[in-house]
Amino acid sequence: MQMRIIKTEDAYREALARVEVLALLDPDLGSAEADQLEVLSLLVEDYERKNYTFDAPDPIDAIEFRMVEQGLRQRDLIPILGSRSRVSEVLSRKRPLTVAMIRSLSEGLGIPADVLVRPISDEPAPLSAPVDWVKFPVREMQKRGWIPAERVSGADQIEQVVKDFLARAGQSSNYVPLYRRNIKGLGAETLDDASAYSTLAWVARVLSRSMENRLIKKFEINNLSENLLREIAMLSRHKDGPVLAIEQLRAIGICVVIEPQLPKTLLDGAAVLNDRMQPVIGLTLRYDRADYFWFTLLHEIAHVWRHLNTTGEAFVDRIDVESETNRSEKEANQIARDALVPRDKWAKSAARLRPDVETIKHFAEEIHVHPAIVAGRIRFETGEYNKFTRLLGQGSIRKHFPDYRF
């Protein structure tokens, strides 16, 4: 194939396939094949870097995140910004950052200057349409014990009940229109108006449950890494792996909440920040299978690591639908796949080239993961979803969570 800068998804896939073929050949250093492998790898890396680049957070969001991360209060910014009133005006978006402020904030809080020089956006305006409170699934919320079971009738009563529910989750009822607009992820792309309210209710429930738990360690973003994600993936080989994974995430400040989705929604997971700026991963366990659980969990961890910046957004995901255009979803998918099945080993794997029960089990043992993960990867890549069903760990996840009610 011709060596040229990769500009399209088709060209990227072609180059990636050629890289895998060359990697399997394991060419001698200095050979034409080795040189081609090196050049193609650089071209693939360049394309991935360009297409997996994400907008930096708003400067004020970045400052507030770092304040929570370091346990700082507004008064702690006075030495950096100069006065109490100036701190207040900057954080309320009434005063732009000067060059001197940007330099001081970058040095004092460790925020990259290229983030701080971005324009400061005004607080986004709510959607023009008012909140339609009766579209919240009130009866189902009552059935599940999320809100009081007494009878409510009329729009006014429903509005008050739902507002109280949102308040327990740390959400202002005035914030709902804005929050609706900031639901991201592939799950958001599939929402109609009615299911959007159910999704909001589910996310609020996940947030509410996360706020009940005050024993989780303070979150430090530096604790997340490729190595940690790989360690979590390898827990899949243990019978109690799901519980061990949740405990390990808890130990670094990430709360995982298991909450079945509401009717008329097809959600698998979500990543969101609660009011304490603590990352929260919500899982529905829509499919009670090992391959599905581990991919969803790693996908949401990837969102926490790479994409989650403010409490004003939530990534909601439906894992069984692949996105070709949503860059955050593509990156989360790739991070999850690489954590579960290392890319270099997969390229040379007999399970990939000659898949059968024995090669799958052998390769899973080699990379220290549950065979369901390898079988699921093969099913996804080949599109043959009728194969290797007995290896998927059907019925192996929900049993670890006795309070789970679907």
Protein backbone atom coordinates (compact mmCIF):
# COMPACT_ATOMS: atom_id res chain seq x y z
CA MET A 1 0.00 0.00 0.00
CA GLN A 2 1.06 3.62 -0.57
CA MET A 3 2.58 5.55 2.32
CA ARG A 4 0.65 8.78 2.79
CA ILE A 5 -0.92 10.81 5.58
CA ILE A 6 -4.11 9.13 6.77
CA LYS A 7 -7.11 11.40 6.36
CA THR A 8 -10.16 9.11 6.36
CA GLU A 9 -11.55 6.36 8.57
CA ASP A 10 -11.34 3.86 5.69
CA ALA A 11 -7.68 4.66 5.13
CA TYR A 12 -7.06 4.37 8.86
CA ARG A 13 -8.62 0.91 8.99
CA GLU A 14 -6.65 -0.21 5.95
CA ALA A 15 -3.41 0.99 7.53
CA LEU A 16 -4.26 -0.61 10.86
CA ALA A 17 -4.96 -3.94 9.15
CA ARG A 18 -1.60 -3.73 7.35
CA VAL A 19 0.15 -2.95 10.64
CA GLU A 20 -1.38 -6.07 12.18
CA VAL A 21 -0.25 -8.21 9.22
CA LEU A 22 3.30 -6.85 9.43
CA ALA A 23 3.39 -7.29 13.19
CA LEU A 24 2.51 -10.96 12.75
CA LEU A 25 5.45 -11.35 10.33
CA ASP A 26 7.82 -9.99 13.01
CA PRO A 27 10.21 -8.67 10.31
CA ASP A 28 13.95 -8.36 10.83
CA LEU A 29 15.23 -4.93 11.78
CA GLY A 30 16.24 -2.98 8.68
CA SER A 31 14.13 -5.01 6.29
CA ALA A 32 11.63 -3.37 3.93
CA GLU A 33 8.76 -4.84 5.97
CA ALA A 34 10.20 -3.48 9.22
CA ASP A 35 10.59 -0.01 7.70
CA GLN A 36 7.03 -0.13 6.39
CA LEU A 37 5.75 -1.22 9.82
CA GLU A 38 7.54 1.68 11.50
CA VAL A 39 6.22 4.29 9.06
CA LEU A 40 2.67 2.94 9.10
CA SER A 41 2.68 2.87 12.92
CA LEU A 42 3.63 6.55 12.97
CA LEU A 43 0.90 7.40 10.48
CA VAL A 44 -1.69 5.48 12.48
CA GLU A 45 -0.54 7.17 15.69
CA ASP A 46 -0.79 10.59 14.01
CA TYR A 47 -4.35 9.91 12.83
CA GLU A 48 -5.44 8.65 16.26
CA ARG A 49 -3.91 11.69 17.98
CA LYS A 50 -5.76 14.07 15.66
CA ASN A 51 -9.09 12.27 15.80
CA TYR A 52 -9.01 11.54 19.51
CA THR A 53 -8.27 15.13 20.50
CA PHE A 54 -10.89 16.72 22.73
CA ASP A 55 -11.72 20.27 23.56
CA ALA A 56 -10.12 21.54 26.73
CA PRO A 57 -12.50 22.40 29.56
CA ASP A 58 -13.77 25.92 30.14
CA PRO A 59 -11.14 27.86 32.20
CA ILE A 60 -13.47 28.41 35.17
CA ASP A 61 -14.55 24.76 35.14
CA ALA A 62 -10.87 23.79 35.17
CA ILE A 63 -10.16 26.11 38.13
CA GLU A 64 -13.12 24.79 40.11
CA PHE A 65 -12.16 21.18 39.40
CA ARG A 66 -8.61 21.79 40.61
CA MET A 67 -9.95 23.54 43.74
CA VAL A 68 -12.04 20.50 44.64
CA GLU A 69 -9.18 18.15 43.78
CA GLN A 70 -6.81 20.04 46.10
CA GLY A 71 -9.38 20.80 48.80
CA LEU A 72 -9.13 24.57 48.26
CA ARG A 73 -11.65 27.27 49.14
CA GLN A 74 -12.16 30.64 47.49
CA ARG A 75 -10.02 32.35 50.10
CA ASP A 76 -7.11 30.10 49.09
CA LEU A 77 -7.09 31.79 45.68
CA ILE A 78 -6.60 35.29 47.14
CA PRO A 79 -2.77 35.03 47.06
CA ILE A 80 -3.03 33.91 43.41
CA LEU A 81 -5.62 36.39 42.11
CA GLY A 82 -5.01 39.32 44.44
CA SER A 83 -8.17 39.95 46.47
CA ARG A 84 -11.36 38.33 47.73
CA SER A 85 -13.53 40.41 45.40
CA ARG A 86 -11.38 39.50 42.39
CA VAL A 87 -11.63 35.79 43.22
CA SER A 88 -15.42 36.09 43.47
CA GLU A 89 -15.68 37.98 40.18
CA VAL A 90 -13.49 35.49 38.31
CA LEU A 91 -15.34 32.42 39.58
CA SER A 92 -18.70 34.02 38.84
CA ARG A 93 -17.47 34.73 35.27
CA LYS A 94 -17.81 38.50 35.71
CA ARG A 95 -14.11 39.27 35.27
CA PRO A 96 -11.89 37.93 32.45
CA LEU A 97 -8.52 36.41 33.25
CA THR A 98 -5.54 38.65 32.65
CA VAL A 99 -2.13 37.43 31.49
CA ALA A 100 -0.81 37.85 35.04
CA MET A 101 -3.74 35.84 36.45
CA ILE A 102 -3.22 33.07 33.90
CA ARG A 103 0.46 32.85 34.79
CA SER A 104 -0.30 32.76 38.53
CA LEU A 105 -3.06 30.17 38.16
CA SER A 106 -0.92 27.98 35.95
CA GLU A 107 1.95 28.07 38.43
CA GLY A 108 -0.18 27.93 41.58
CA LEU A 109 -2.75 25.30 40.58
CA GLY A 110 -0.87 23.42 37.91
CA ILE A 111 -3.46 24.15 35.19
CA PRO A 112 -1.98 24.24 31.68
CA ALA A 113 -1.87 27.78 30.32
CA ASP A 114 -3.50 26.68 27.05
CA VAL A 115 -6.62 25.77 29.04
CA LEU A 116 -6.72 29.11 30.85
CA VAL A 117 -6.35 31.23 27.72
CA ARG A 118 -9.54 29.79 26.21
CA PRO A 119 -12.56 32.14 26.14
CA ILE A 120 -14.67 31.98 29.28
CA SER A 121 -18.20 31.07 28.33
CA ASP A 122 -21.19 32.59 30.04
CA GLU A 123 -23.38 30.18 31.98
CA PRO A 124 -25.32 28.38 29.22
CA ALA A 125 -28.91 29.46 29.01
CA PRO A 126 -31.63 26.90 29.76
CA LEU A 127 -33.55 25.37 26.91
CA SER A 128 -36.35 27.57 25.69
CA ALA A 129 -38.94 24.87 26.35
CA PRO A 130 -40.01 24.63 30.01
CA VAL A 131 -39.61 21.42 32.00
CA ASP A 132 -42.54 19.08 31.43
CA TRP A 133 -42.63 17.55 34.92
CA VAL A 134 -45.38 15.05 34.12
CA LYS A 135 -43.01 13.30 31.69
CA PHE A 136 -40.90 12.04 34.57
CA PRO A 137 -41.78 8.34 35.21
CA VAL A 138 -43.32 9.11 38.60
CA ARG A 139 -45.23 5.83 39.02
CA GLU A 140 -42.17 3.71 38.31
CA MET A 141 -40.10 5.91 40.62
CA GLN A 142 -42.67 5.32 43.36
CA LYS A 143 -42.70 1.60 42.67
CA ARG A 144 -38.95 1.48 43.17
CA GLY A 145 -39.06 3.55 46.34
CA TRP A 146 -37.23 6.52 44.89
CA ILE A 147 -40.01 8.89 45.89
CA PRO A 148 -42.87 8.65 48.46
CA ALA A 149 -45.60 6.17 47.54
CA GLU A 150 -48.54 8.41 48.41
CA ARG A 151 -50.80 9.32 45.55
CA VAL A 152 -49.88 12.38 43.54
CA SER A 153 -52.17 13.99 41.02
CA GLY A 154 -51.95 17.14 39.01
CA ALA A 155 -48.95 18.84 37.51
CA ASP A 156 -48.21 20.91 40.63
CA GLN A 157 -47.92 17.89 42.93
CA ILE A 158 -45.82 15.95 40.44
CA GLU A 159 -43.52 18.93 40.01
CA GLN A 160 -42.95 19.25 43.76
CA VAL A 161 -42.31 15.53 44.26
CA VAL A 162 -39.78 15.41 41.43
CA LYS A 163 -38.06 18.61 42.63
CA ASP A 164 -37.64 17.05 46.08
CA PHE A 165 -36.18 13.94 44.46
CA LEU A 166 -33.70 15.97 42.42
CA ALA A 167 -32.68 17.96 45.48
CA ARG A 168 -31.70 14.73 47.27
CA ALA A 169 -29.45 13.97 44.33
CA GLY A 170 -27.79 17.36 44.69
CA GLN A 171 -29.48 18.75 41.60
CA SER A 172 -31.34 22.03 41.39
CA SER A 173 -34.70 21.78 39.67
CA ASN A 174 -33.75 24.93 37.75
CA TYR A 175 -30.80 22.99 36.40
CA VAL A 176 -32.84 20.29 34.66
CA PRO A 177 -33.18 22.03 31.27
CA LEU A 178 -29.45 22.71 31.15
CA TYR A 179 -28.65 19.17 32.29
CA ARG A 180 -30.83 17.72 29.55
CA ARG A 181 -28.70 19.52 27.00
CA ASN A 182 -25.44 18.26 28.51
CA ILE A 183 -26.21 14.54 28.45
CA LYS A 184 -23.52 13.10 26.21
CA GLY A 185 -22.45 9.70 24.94
CA LEU A 186 -23.99 7.28 22.51
CA GLY A 187 -26.95 6.64 24.78
CA ALA A 188 -27.86 10.32 24.48
CA GLU A 189 -28.01 10.02 20.70
CA THR A 190 -30.81 7.46 20.99
CA LEU A 191 -33.02 9.44 23.40
CA ASP A 192 -36.38 10.84 22.42
CA ASP A 193 -38.10 13.46 24.59
CA ALA A 194 -39.88 10.94 26.83
CA SER A 195 -36.90 8.66 27.42
CA ALA A 196 -34.75 11.73 28.15
CA TYR A 197 -36.80 12.33 31.32
CA SER A 198 -36.39 8.69 32.35
CA THR A 199 -32.66 8.98 31.76
CA LEU A 200 -32.50 12.13 33.88
CA ALA A 201 -34.37 10.35 36.67
CA TRP A 202 -32.01 7.37 36.49
CA VAL A 203 -28.90 9.57 36.55
CA ALA A 204 -30.35 11.49 39.51
CA ARG A 205 -30.96 8.21 41.34
CA VAL A 206 -27.34 7.14 40.72
CA LEU A 207 -26.12 10.51 42.01
CA SER A 208 -28.38 10.30 45.05
CA ARG A 209 -27.02 6.89 46.00
CA SER A 210 -23.46 8.08 45.51
CA MET A 211 -24.06 10.96 47.92
CA GLU A 212 -25.15 8.50 50.61
CA ASN A 213 -21.69 6.95 50.67
CA ARG A 214 -19.17 9.11 52.50
CA LEU A 215 -16.46 6.52 53.09
CA ILE A 216 -14.88 6.57 49.64
CA LYS A 217 -11.36 7.98 49.39
CA LYS A 218 -10.80 11.39 47.83
CA PHE A 219 -10.37 11.09 44.07
CA GLU A 220 -7.05 11.96 42.44
CA ILE A 221 -7.02 11.89 38.64
CA ASN A 222 -3.36 10.82 38.64
CA ASN A 223 -4.40 7.47 40.11
CA LEU A 224 -5.96 6.55 36.77
CA SER A 225 -3.63 5.10 34.16
CA GLU A 226 -3.41 2.44 31.48
CA ASN A 227 -1.77 0.13 34.02
CA LEU A 228 -4.64 0.55 36.49
CA LEU A 229 -7.25 -0.15 33.81
CA ARG A 230 -5.31 -3.27 32.85
CA GLU A 231 -5.21 -4.38 36.50
CA ILE A 232 -8.96 -3.97 36.76
CA ALA A 233 -9.47 -5.93 33.53
CA MET A 234 -7.41 -8.82 34.92
CA LEU A 235 -9.74 -9.05 37.92
CA SER A 236 -12.28 -10.53 35.49
CA ARG A 237 -10.62 -13.93 35.83
CA HIS A 238 -11.67 -14.16 39.48
CA LYS A 239 -15.09 -15.49 40.44
CA ASP A 240 -15.72 -12.42 42.59
CA GLY A 241 -14.04 -10.12 40.06
CA PRO A 242 -16.94 -7.63 39.75
CA VAL A 243 -16.91 -6.99 43.50
CA LEU A 244 -13.11 -6.73 43.58
CA ALA A 245 -13.15 -4.22 40.73
CA ILE A 246 -15.71 -2.01 42.45
CA GLU A 247 -13.68 -2.13 45.66
CA GLN A 248 -10.51 -1.16 43.80
CA LEU A 249 -12.26 1.80 42.18
CA ARG A 250 -13.66 2.80 45.54
CA ALA A 251 -10.11 2.79 46.95
CA ILE A 252 -9.09 5.51 44.46
CA GLY A 253 -12.21 7.64 44.94
CA ILE A 254 -14.57 6.40 42.20
CA CYS A 255 -18.05 5.35 43.32
CA VAL A 256 -19.83 2.60 41.36
CA VAL A 257 -23.62 2.38 41.66
CA ILE A 258 -25.59 -0.59 40.32
CA GLU A 259 -29.06 0.61 39.36
CA PRO A 260 -31.33 -1.07 36.77
CA GLN A 261 -32.51 1.22 33.99
CA LEU A 262 -36.04 2.52 33.88
CA PRO A 263 -38.54 1.16 31.33
CA LYS A 264 -38.30 2.50 27.77
CA THR A 265 -34.60 3.25 28.11
CA LEU A 266 -31.76 1.13 26.77
CA LEU A 267 -28.88 2.23 28.95
CA ASP A 268 -25.85 0.24 30.05
CA GLY A 269 -23.80 2.73 32.00
CA ALA A 270 -22.98 6.33 32.77
CA ALA A 271 -20.12 8.46 34.05
CA VAL A 272 -20.91 11.63 35.98
CA LEU A 273 -19.55 13.87 38.74
CA ASN A 274 -21.58 14.43 41.88
CA ASP A 275 -21.67 17.67 43.88
CA ARG A 276 -18.53 16.65 45.77
CA MET A 277 -16.72 16.41 42.39
CA GLN A 278 -16.46 12.69 42.97
CA PRO A 279 -16.60 10.52 39.82
CA VAL A 280 -19.60 8.20 39.80
CA ILE A 281 -20.09 5.26 37.46
CA GLY A 282 -23.62 3.95 37.10
CA LEU A 283 -24.23 0.45 35.71
CA THR A 284 -27.61 -1.04 34.79
CA LEU A 285 -26.46 -4.66 34.20
CA ARG A 286 -28.94 -4.70 31.32
CA TYR A 287 -27.26 -7.89 30.12
CA ASP A 288 -26.19 -10.34 32.81
CA ARG A 289 -23.00 -11.39 31.01
CA ALA A 290 -19.32 -11.19 31.90
CA ASP A 291 -18.20 -9.78 28.54
CA TYR A 292 -20.80 -7.02 28.69
CA PHE A 293 -20.09 -6.08 32.31
CA TRP A 294 -16.34 -5.74 31.89
CA PHE A 295 -16.46 -3.79 28.66
CA THR A 296 -19.08 -1.39 30.05
CA LEU A 297 -17.13 -0.86 33.26
CA LEU A 298 -13.86 -0.15 31.43
CA HIS A 299 -15.69 2.13 28.97
CA GLU A 300 -17.06 4.26 31.81
CA ILE A 301 -13.69 4.37 33.58
CA ALA A 302 -12.24 5.70 30.32
CA HIS A 303 -14.83 8.50 30.34
CA VAL A 304 -13.85 9.41 33.91
CA TRP A 305 -10.19 9.40 32.94
CA ARG A 306 -10.36 11.31 29.66
CA HIS A 307 -13.64 13.18 29.27
CA LEU A 308 -15.41 14.03 32.51
CA ASN A 309 -14.73 17.63 33.54
CA THR A 310 -17.73 19.22 35.28
CA THR A 311 -20.89 18.40 37.20
CA GLY A 312 -22.78 19.92 34.28
CA GLU A 313 -22.43 16.86 32.07
CA ALA A 314 -23.12 13.15 32.09
CA PHE A 315 -21.97 10.47 29.67
CA VAL A 316 -24.71 7.87 29.22
CA ASP A 317 -23.99 4.83 27.12
CA ARG A 318 -25.64 2.05 25.21
CA ILE A 319 -22.74 -0.29 24.58
CA ASP A 320 -24.29 -2.49 21.90
CA VAL A 321 -24.38 0.40 19.41
CA GLU A 322 -21.11 1.48 17.82
CA SER A 323 -20.50 5.15 17.00
CA GLU A 324 -18.52 6.19 13.94
CA THR A 325 -18.64 9.94 14.65
CA ASN A 326 -18.69 10.52 18.43
CA ARG A 327 -15.02 10.95 19.23
CA SER A 328 -15.32 10.59 23.00
CA GLU A 329 -17.17 7.30 22.53
CA LYS A 330 -14.62 6.05 20.02
CA GLU A 331 -11.79 6.81 22.40
CA ALA A 332 -13.57 5.22 25.37
CA ASN A 333 -14.20 2.11 23.27
CA GLN A 334 -10.56 1.89 22.21
CA ILE A 335 -9.26 2.39 25.74
CA ALA A 336 -11.60 -0.34 27.03
CA ARG A 337 -10.62 -2.78 24.28
CA ASP A 338 -6.90 -2.24 24.82
CA ALA A 339 -7.23 -2.65 28.58
CA LEU A 340 -9.17 -5.89 28.23
CA VAL A 341 -7.13 -7.34 25.34
CA PRO A 342 -3.72 -5.73 24.72
CA ARG A 343 -3.52 -4.69 21.09
CA ASP A 344 -0.06 -6.15 20.37
CA LYS A 345 -0.97 -9.57 21.75
CA TRP A 346 -4.32 -9.61 19.98
CA ALA A 347 -2.69 -9.05 16.58
CA LYS A 348 -0.67 -12.27 16.93
CA SER A 349 -3.26 -14.32 18.80
CA ALA A 350 -4.38 -17.72 17.53
CA ALA A 351 -7.76 -16.90 19.07
CA ARG A 352 -8.10 -14.06 16.57
CA LEU A 353 -6.72 -15.95 13.57
CA ARG A 354 -8.19 -19.41 14.25
CA PRO A 355 -10.92 -18.92 16.86
CA ASP A 356 -12.30 -21.98 18.65
CA VAL A 357 -13.07 -22.82 22.25
CA GLU A 358 -9.57 -24.02 23.04
CA THR A 359 -7.68 -21.11 21.46
CA ILE A 360 -10.00 -18.67 23.22
CA LYS A 361 -9.47 -20.26 26.62
CA HIS A 362 -5.72 -20.51 26.10
CA PHE A 363 -5.38 -16.88 25.03
CA ALA A 364 -7.61 -15.67 27.89
CA GLU A 365 -5.35 -17.50 30.32
CA GLU A 366 -2.29 -16.00 28.65
CA ILE A 367 -3.53 -12.40 29.11
CA HIS A 368 -5.19 -13.13 32.49
CA VAL A 369 -8.80 -12.31 31.67
CA HIS A 370 -12.12 -14.14 31.64
CA PRO A 371 -12.67 -16.16 28.40
CA ALA A 372 -15.90 -14.19 27.91
CA ILE A 373 -13.85 -11.10 27.09
CA VAL A 374 -11.99 -12.85 24.28
CA ALA A 375 -15.16 -14.53 22.98
CA GLY A 376 -17.01 -11.21 23.05
CA ARG A 377 -14.20 -9.52 21.12
CA ILE A 378 -14.35 -12.19 18.41
CA ARG A 379 -18.13 -11.95 18.15
CA PHE A 380 -17.91 -8.18 17.81
CA GLU A 381 -15.19 -8.18 15.17
CA THR A 382 -16.69 -10.96 13.06
CA GLY A 383 -20.34 -10.00 13.53
CA GLU A 384 -21.11 -13.67 14.22
CA TYR A 385 -23.08 -13.26 17.43
CA ASN A 386 -24.33 -16.86 17.43
CA LYS A 387 -20.88 -18.24 18.24
CA PHE A 388 -19.20 -19.02 21.57
CA THR A 389 -22.31 -18.18 23.62
CA ARG A 390 -21.32 -20.68 26.31
CA LEU A 391 -18.14 -18.73 26.99
CA LEU A 392 -19.83 -15.39 27.68
CA GLY A 393 -20.40 -15.89 31.40
CA GLN A 394 -24.18 -15.67 31.13
CA GLY A 395 -25.80 -15.18 34.54
CA SER A 396 -22.48 -14.53 36.27
CA ILE A 397 -22.78 -10.85 37.23
CA ARG A 398 -26.06 -9.92 38.92
CA LYS A 399 -25.66 -12.66 41.52
CA HIS A 400 -22.84 -10.62 43.07
CA PHE A 401 -25.29 -7.84 43.91
CA PRO A 402 -28.07 -9.28 46.13
CA ASP A 403 -29.99 -5.99 46.24
CA TYR A 404 -30.25 -5.88 42.46
CA ARG A 405 -33.84 -5.83 41.20
CA PHE A 406 -34.39 -5.67 37.46
